[in-house]
Amino acid sequence: MPFAALPHRSTQNLSFLSWIAAALLALGVLAAPARADDAASLRALVEGQIAAMRAGDASAAYGFAAPAIRQMFPSPDRFMQMVKRGYAPVVAPRSVTFGRLRETSRGPVQEVFLTDSGGTDWLALYTFEQQADGSWKIAGCVLTKSPGASA
């Protein structure tokens, strides 16, 4: 998951991060729309990856990532190092609540509200890439402090 957020955020960082997120979406997400029956599959991907991270299973967490992510982070350990450095709230959240699944011109985006171990609320926007066999993989995640929504 190329997570496009950094631990320290400013208005300038958020603009830059928005640009990165758009670029990642353009490169990594196919335009095929998600069908209604895909919604459960997409949610299961996010739940499965978070469960694998909680359990410390880097290989399983890595298995949910799209091929482009796996090219950027060529091993489960390198992938987890990146996630732990920049995306600690998704590694072991205190709570997880799923929001809307939105269909965009670049594909589906799943809202996920997280509360980290310190009680801070976060919004994670997961993007997905449909594979040649019709299955889905996680193509990215943009993580920001939640604008007041509680997980």
Protein backbone atom coordinates (compact mmCIF):
# COMPACT_ATOMS: atom_id res chain seq x y z
CA MET A 1 0.00 0.00 0.00
CA PRO A 2 1.70 3.15 -0.93
CA PHE A 3 0.40 5.20 1.90
CA ALA A 4 0.56 8.81 0.88
CA ALA A 5 0.56 10.40 4.33
CA LEU A 6 3.48 11.35 6.50
CA PRO A 7 3.61 11.49 10.30
CA HIS A 8 3.80 15.32 10.35
CA ARG A 9 1.11 17.12 8.42
CA SER A 10 0.76 20.72 7.38
CA THR A 11 -1.39 22.45 4.78
CA GLN A 12 1.53 22.30 2.36
CA ASN A 13 2.05 18.59 3.10
CA LEU A 14 -1.66 17.88 2.59
CA SER A 15 -1.60 19.58 -0.83
CA PHE A 16 1.49 17.60 -1.78
CA LEU A 17 -0.07 14.43 -0.41
CA SER A 18 -3.24 15.05 -2.42
CA TRP A 19 -1.12 15.33 -5.53
CA ILE A 20 0.70 12.08 -4.68
CA ALA A 21 -2.60 10.31 -4.00
CA ALA A 22 -3.98 11.44 -7.37
CA ALA A 23 -0.82 10.26 -9.12
CA LEU A 24 -0.97 6.89 -7.38
CA LEU A 25 -4.61 6.51 -8.32
CA ALA A 26 -3.82 7.35 -11.93
CA LEU A 27 -1.03 4.78 -12.03
CA GLY A 28 -2.40 2.04 -9.87
CA VAL A 29 -6.17 1.82 -10.09
CA LEU A 30 -8.04 0.43 -13.05
CA ALA A 31 -11.15 2.28 -14.15
CA ALA A 32 -13.40 -0.79 -13.96
CA PRO A 33 -16.30 0.03 -11.64
CA ALA A 34 -16.84 -2.08 -8.56
CA ARG A 35 -20.03 -4.11 -8.60
CA ALA A 36 -22.30 -4.27 -5.57
CA ASP A 37 -21.01 -7.76 -4.78
CA ASP A 38 -17.45 -6.41 -4.81
CA ALA A 39 -18.19 -4.24 -1.74
CA ALA A 40 -17.92 -7.23 0.62
CA SER A 41 -14.70 -8.34 -1.07
CA LEU A 42 -13.14 -4.89 -0.76
CA ARG A 43 -14.07 -4.63 2.90
CA ALA A 44 -12.67 -8.13 3.52
CA LEU A 45 -9.36 -7.08 1.95
CA VAL A 46 -8.98 -4.17 4.37
CA GLU A 47 -10.13 -6.23 7.36
CA GLY A 48 -7.77 -9.05 6.40
CA GLN A 49 -4.77 -6.79 6.00
CA ILE A 50 -5.41 -5.02 9.31
CA ALA A 51 -5.86 -8.39 11.05
CA ALA A 52 -2.58 -9.64 9.56
CA MET A 53 -0.78 -6.49 10.74
CA ARG A 54 -2.24 -6.84 14.23
CA ALA A 55 -1.00 -10.42 14.33
CA GLY A 56 2.47 -9.39 13.14
CA ASP A 57 2.09 -11.49 9.98
CA ALA A 58 4.01 -9.40 7.44
CA SER A 59 3.68 -12.02 4.68
CA ALA A 60 -0.11 -12.14 4.97
CA ALA A 61 -0.40 -8.33 5.10
CA TYR A 62 1.84 -8.07 2.05
CA GLY A 63 -0.34 -10.58 0.20
CA PHE A 64 -3.22 -8.09 0.11
CA ALA A 65 -1.11 -5.51 -1.77
CA ALA A 66 -1.43 -4.89 -5.51
CA PRO A 67 1.47 -5.85 -7.79
CA ALA A 68 2.67 -2.25 -8.17
CA ILE A 69 3.01 -1.95 -4.39
CA ARG A 70 4.92 -5.20 -4.25
CA GLN A 71 7.34 -3.84 -6.86
CA MET A 72 7.95 -0.71 -4.77
CA PHE A 73 8.44 -2.79 -1.60
CA PRO A 74 9.92 -6.11 -2.80
CA SER A 75 9.63 -7.98 0.50
CA PRO A 76 7.07 -8.29 3.29
CA ASP A 77 9.59 -6.89 5.79
CA ARG A 78 10.28 -3.76 3.73
CA PHE A 79 6.56 -3.28 3.22
CA MET A 80 5.89 -3.50 6.96
CA GLN A 81 8.76 -1.13 7.76
CA MET A 82 7.16 1.47 5.49
CA VAL A 83 3.72 0.93 7.03
CA LYS A 84 5.02 1.11 10.61
CA ARG A 85 7.00 4.30 9.91
CA GLY A 86 4.25 6.27 8.20
CA TYR A 87 1.01 4.50 8.98
CA ALA A 88 1.12 3.22 12.54
CA PRO A 89 -2.65 3.73 13.07
CA VAL A 90 -3.44 0.93 10.60
CA VAL A 91 -1.03 -1.53 12.20
CA ALA A 92 -2.86 -2.01 15.49
CA PRO A 93 -5.91 0.24 15.71
CA ARG A 94 -8.02 0.29 18.86
CA SER A 95 -11.13 0.44 16.69
CA VAL A 96 -12.08 0.24 13.02
CA THR A 97 -15.32 1.48 11.48
CA PHE A 98 -16.13 1.27 7.79
CA GLY A 99 -17.67 4.28 6.11
CA ARG A 100 -18.92 4.67 2.58
CA LEU A 101 -17.59 2.83 -0.43
CA ARG A 102 -17.38 5.45 -3.16
CA GLU A 103 -17.12 4.79 -6.85
CA THR A 104 -14.74 7.25 -8.50
CA SER A 105 -13.57 7.64 -12.08
CA ARG A 106 -10.44 5.77 -11.01
CA GLY A 107 -12.20 2.96 -9.18
CA PRO A 108 -13.61 2.25 -5.72
CA VAL A 109 -12.47 4.09 -2.59
CA GLN A 110 -13.34 2.72 0.86
CA GLU A 111 -13.56 5.08 3.84
CA VAL A 112 -12.20 3.52 7.03
CA PHE A 113 -12.31 5.37 10.36
CA LEU A 114 -9.63 4.25 12.81
CA THR A 115 -8.79 5.09 16.39
CA ASP A 116 -5.16 4.46 17.27
CA SER A 117 -3.89 3.11 20.59
CA GLY A 118 -3.52 6.67 21.91
CA GLY A 119 -7.14 7.58 21.15
CA THR A 120 -6.50 9.72 18.05
CA ASP A 121 -9.05 9.37 15.25
CA TRP A 122 -7.90 8.84 11.67
CA LEU A 123 -9.50 8.55 8.25
CA ALA A 124 -7.97 6.04 5.84
CA LEU A 125 -9.05 6.09 2.20
CA TYR A 126 -8.23 2.74 0.62
CA THR A 127 -7.99 2.36 -3.15
CA PHE A 128 -8.12 -0.91 -5.03
CA GLU A 129 -6.93 -2.47 -8.26
CA GLN A 130 -8.87 -5.18 -10.02
CA GLN A 131 -6.70 -8.08 -11.15
CA ALA A 132 -6.93 -9.93 -14.48
CA ASP A 133 -8.81 -12.77 -12.76
CA GLY A 134 -11.46 -10.33 -11.45
CA SER A 135 -10.19 -10.32 -7.85
CA TRP A 136 -9.16 -7.11 -6.08
CA LYS A 137 -5.95 -6.02 -4.32
CA ILE A 138 -5.22 -2.94 -2.20
CA ALA A 139 -3.57 -0.33 -4.42
CA GLY A 140 -3.06 2.42 -1.87
CA CYS A 141 -4.16 4.25 1.22
CA VAL A 142 -4.24 7.91 2.12
CA LEU A 143 -4.19 8.43 5.88
CA THR A 144 -5.14 11.70 7.57
CA LYS A 145 -6.27 12.73 11.00
CA SER A 146 -10.02 12.49 11.01
CA PRO A 147 -11.85 15.80 10.70
CA GLY A 148 -13.97 15.09 13.75
CA ALA A 149 -15.50 11.74 12.85
CA SER A 150 -15.11 9.17 15.55
CA ALA A 151 -14.25 5.55 14.83
